[in-house]
Every structure is written in C-alpha cells, then in structure tokens.
Amino acid sequence: MLIVPTEQNSIYTHGIQSYFLKSFQKLQFKSNNTIYEIVNDKIYKMKPYETIKEYELDISFRLNLQNENNEKKESYYIPIDLQYTKLNVDKYKLKPNSLLTLYIENNKSIYFQTDENDITHSIKEDLITFLSLLKLYN
C-alpha cells in the first residue's frame, strides 16, 4: 500500500539523514491512463495507482491510501509523444525491520510504502515520526 499526503508542502530533509538507505534514479513517462518507467535499464508499463480511501491522521493532516497491487509489465517501447520526468528517489527507514518506508522524489514530494493492508499502530507511529522529522506534522 502506498500512503501519500494530500498536500505536498516543502520538506526539511536534514533531520532524517541518519535513516537513509539508498538512492536510485528512474525516468517516468505519464499519459492519462498509463505510466511508463525506466528503472535499471528496463521499461515497465503500469496503470496509475488508485486511491482506495482517505486517512485522517488528525484534523489538519490527511493521507491518501493507494492500492500498490498494480500489475507492472515489462515493455519494449515507450510511445513517442510522451514527455519524461527524471526522478531521483531517496529511500529511508527508521529501523531495519520497520514496516514503513519513506520515499522522497527530487527532494520535493514524499510518499510512504508498506506491505500491510491497513494502518496499524506501529505504522502510525512511524508516520508521525517521519512527518515530524520532515517538519510537516506537529
């Protein structure tokens, strides 16, 4: 499941550097109903992630829960009329066995990923910790 803030505010990444895991790059081509990504010299085709429901962390902070079980197929072409976006993605985890992973794209937008189907107490704690470190939540 992907967890995406409904509003993307400016982020402060200095406080989370000790939780850094790795960095990678991908090229993304978007159309109205398809996303193409180039990762590690392979092209993948998929549909945009569907928002399952909205989750309210508190009155002032809302998150979209998106279905990540999207079929990602390898493709051998990209339509010529699409524009690409180059994304530098940084990956963070609070603990090695944490259920929640933070991704920051181009130091501008964030989303979280978990294998769980619901937001459990430990995921909620990790969410609040990350958002507090990024100065997005009080």
Protein backbone atom coordinates (compact mmCIF):
# COMPACT_ATOMS: atom_id res chain seq x y z
CA MET A 1 0.00 0.00 0.00
CA LEU A 2 1.18 3.50 -0.79
CA ILE A 3 0.47 6.35 1.62
CA VAL A 4 0.59 9.79 0.03
CA PRO A 5 -0.02 13.14 1.78
CA THR A 6 -2.91 15.02 0.19
CA GLU A 7 -0.87 18.23 0.28
CA GLN A 8 2.82 18.33 -0.63
CA ASN A 9 4.49 21.08 1.40
CA SER A 10 8.19 21.96 1.38
CA ILE A 11 10.19 19.37 3.28
CA TYR A 12 13.21 19.59 5.55
CA THR A 13 15.42 16.52 4.99
CA HIS A 14 18.34 17.35 7.28
CA GLY A 15 16.73 15.58 10.27
CA ILE A 16 16.36 12.22 8.53
CA GLN A 17 19.80 11.63 7.03
CA SER A 18 20.68 9.02 9.67
CA TYR A 19 17.80 6.84 8.38
CA PHE A 20 18.95 6.91 4.74
CA LEU A 21 19.08 3.52 2.99
CA LYS A 22 19.79 4.15 -0.69
CA SER A 23 19.24 6.39 -3.67
CA PHE A 24 18.15 5.44 -7.18
CA GLN A 25 17.01 7.12 -10.37
CA LYS A 26 14.12 6.45 -12.68
CA LEU A 27 12.63 8.07 -15.76
CA GLN A 28 8.88 8.35 -15.78
CA PHE A 29 6.57 8.93 -18.76
CA LYS A 30 2.91 9.64 -17.95
CA SER A 31 -0.17 9.60 -20.09
CA ASN A 32 -3.81 9.81 -18.98
CA ASN A 33 -4.17 6.10 -18.28
CA THR A 34 -0.65 4.65 -18.34
CA ILE A 35 2.70 5.21 -16.66
CA TYR A 36 5.96 4.04 -18.18
CA GLU A 37 9.07 3.85 -16.02
CA ILE A 38 12.67 3.12 -16.85
CA VAL A 39 14.45 1.60 -13.87
CA ASN A 40 17.77 -0.26 -14.10
CA ASP A 41 17.68 -0.19 -17.92
CA LYS A 42 14.28 -1.89 -18.11
CA ILE A 43 11.00 -0.36 -19.25
CA TYR A 44 7.86 -1.04 -17.22
CA LYS A 45 4.27 -0.22 -18.08
CA MET A 46 1.56 0.17 -15.43
CA LYS A 47 -1.66 1.95 -14.61
CA PRO A 48 -1.73 4.94 -12.23
CA TYR A 49 -2.24 3.95 -8.60
CA GLU A 50 -5.86 4.04 -7.44
CA THR A 51 -6.76 5.88 -4.26
CA ILE A 52 -8.59 3.40 -2.05
CA LYS A 53 -9.59 5.81 0.68
CA GLU A 54 -8.54 8.91 2.57
CA TYR A 55 -6.99 8.55 6.02
CA GLU A 56 -7.13 11.37 8.54
CA LEU A 57 -4.05 11.43 10.79
CA ASP A 58 -5.67 14.34 12.60
CA ILE A 59 -7.94 17.22 11.62
CA SER A 60 -5.17 19.12 9.84
CA PHE A 61 -3.32 16.25 8.12
CA ARG A 62 -4.82 13.85 5.58
CA LEU A 63 -3.29 11.00 3.62
CA ASN A 64 -4.44 9.11 0.53
CA LEU A 65 -4.15 5.33 0.75
CA GLN A 66 -3.40 3.94 -2.69
CA ASN A 67 -3.50 0.39 -3.95
CA GLU A 68 0.01 -0.68 -4.84
CA ASN A 69 -1.02 -4.07 -6.21
CA ASN A 70 -0.70 -2.69 -9.67
CA GLU A 71 0.38 -5.01 -12.41
CA LYS A 72 3.77 -3.84 -13.63
CA LYS A 73 4.58 -5.35 -17.01
CA GLU A 74 7.87 -5.17 -18.80
CA SER A 75 7.55 -3.26 -22.04
CA TYR A 76 9.83 -2.87 -25.03
CA TYR A 77 8.72 0.55 -26.21
CA ILE A 78 7.51 3.93 -25.00
CA PRO A 79 5.06 5.96 -27.11
CA ILE A 80 6.96 8.74 -28.81
CA ASP A 81 4.56 11.56 -27.86
CA LEU A 82 5.12 11.39 -24.07
CA GLN A 83 7.34 13.75 -22.08
CA TYR A 84 9.60 12.27 -19.42
CA THR A 85 10.41 13.27 -15.87
CA LYS A 86 13.73 12.32 -14.31
CA LEU A 87 13.27 11.32 -10.68
CA ASN A 88 15.98 10.97 -8.05
CA VAL A 89 14.46 8.85 -5.31
CA ASP A 90 15.87 8.58 -1.77
CA LYS A 91 14.73 5.71 0.43
CA TYR A 92 14.56 5.90 4.26
CA LYS A 93 13.63 3.54 7.12
CA LEU A 94 13.52 4.27 10.85
CA LYS A 95 14.70 0.74 11.75
CA PRO A 96 15.85 -2.16 9.55
CA ASN A 97 12.73 -4.17 10.45
CA SER A 98 10.30 -1.23 10.22
CA LEU A 99 7.03 -1.83 8.36
CA LEU A 100 7.09 1.63 6.78
CA THR A 101 9.48 3.02 4.15
CA LEU A 102 9.71 6.69 3.19
CA TYR A 103 10.49 7.73 -0.39
CA ILE A 104 11.44 11.29 -1.33
CA GLU A 105 11.39 12.21 -5.02
CA ASN A 106 13.63 15.07 -6.16
CA ASN A 107 13.67 16.45 -2.58
CA LYS A 108 10.16 17.79 -3.24
CA SER A 109 7.48 15.13 -2.89
CA ILE A 110 7.12 12.26 -0.46
CA TYR A 111 5.20 9.02 -0.17
CA PHE A 112 5.32 6.02 2.11
CA GLN A 113 5.17 2.32 1.27
CA THR A 114 4.15 -0.62 3.43
CA ASP A 115 3.25 -4.25 2.77
CA GLU A 116 0.42 -4.05 5.30
CA ASN A 117 -3.18 -3.54 4.14
CA ASP A 118 -4.18 -1.24 7.00
CA ILE A 119 -2.51 1.47 9.04
CA THR A 120 -1.55 -0.29 12.27
CA HIS A 121 -0.40 1.38 15.46
CA SER A 122 3.30 0.88 14.63
CA ILE A 123 2.83 2.26 11.10
CA LYS A 124 1.00 5.29 12.51
CA GLU A 125 3.87 5.88 14.99
CA ASP A 126 6.45 5.67 12.18
CA LEU A 127 4.35 8.00 10.01
CA ILE A 128 4.16 10.61 12.78
CA THR A 129 7.91 10.27 13.46
CA PHE A 130 8.87 10.75 9.81
CA LEU A 131 6.44 13.64 9.32
CA SER A 132 7.73 15.33 12.48
CA LEU A 133 11.35 14.93 11.36
CA LEU A 134 10.40 16.46 7.99
CA LYS A 135 8.70 19.33 9.85
CA LEU A 136 5.34 18.53 8.23
CA TYR A 137 3.49 17.49 11.39
CA ASN A 138 3.44 18.83 14.96
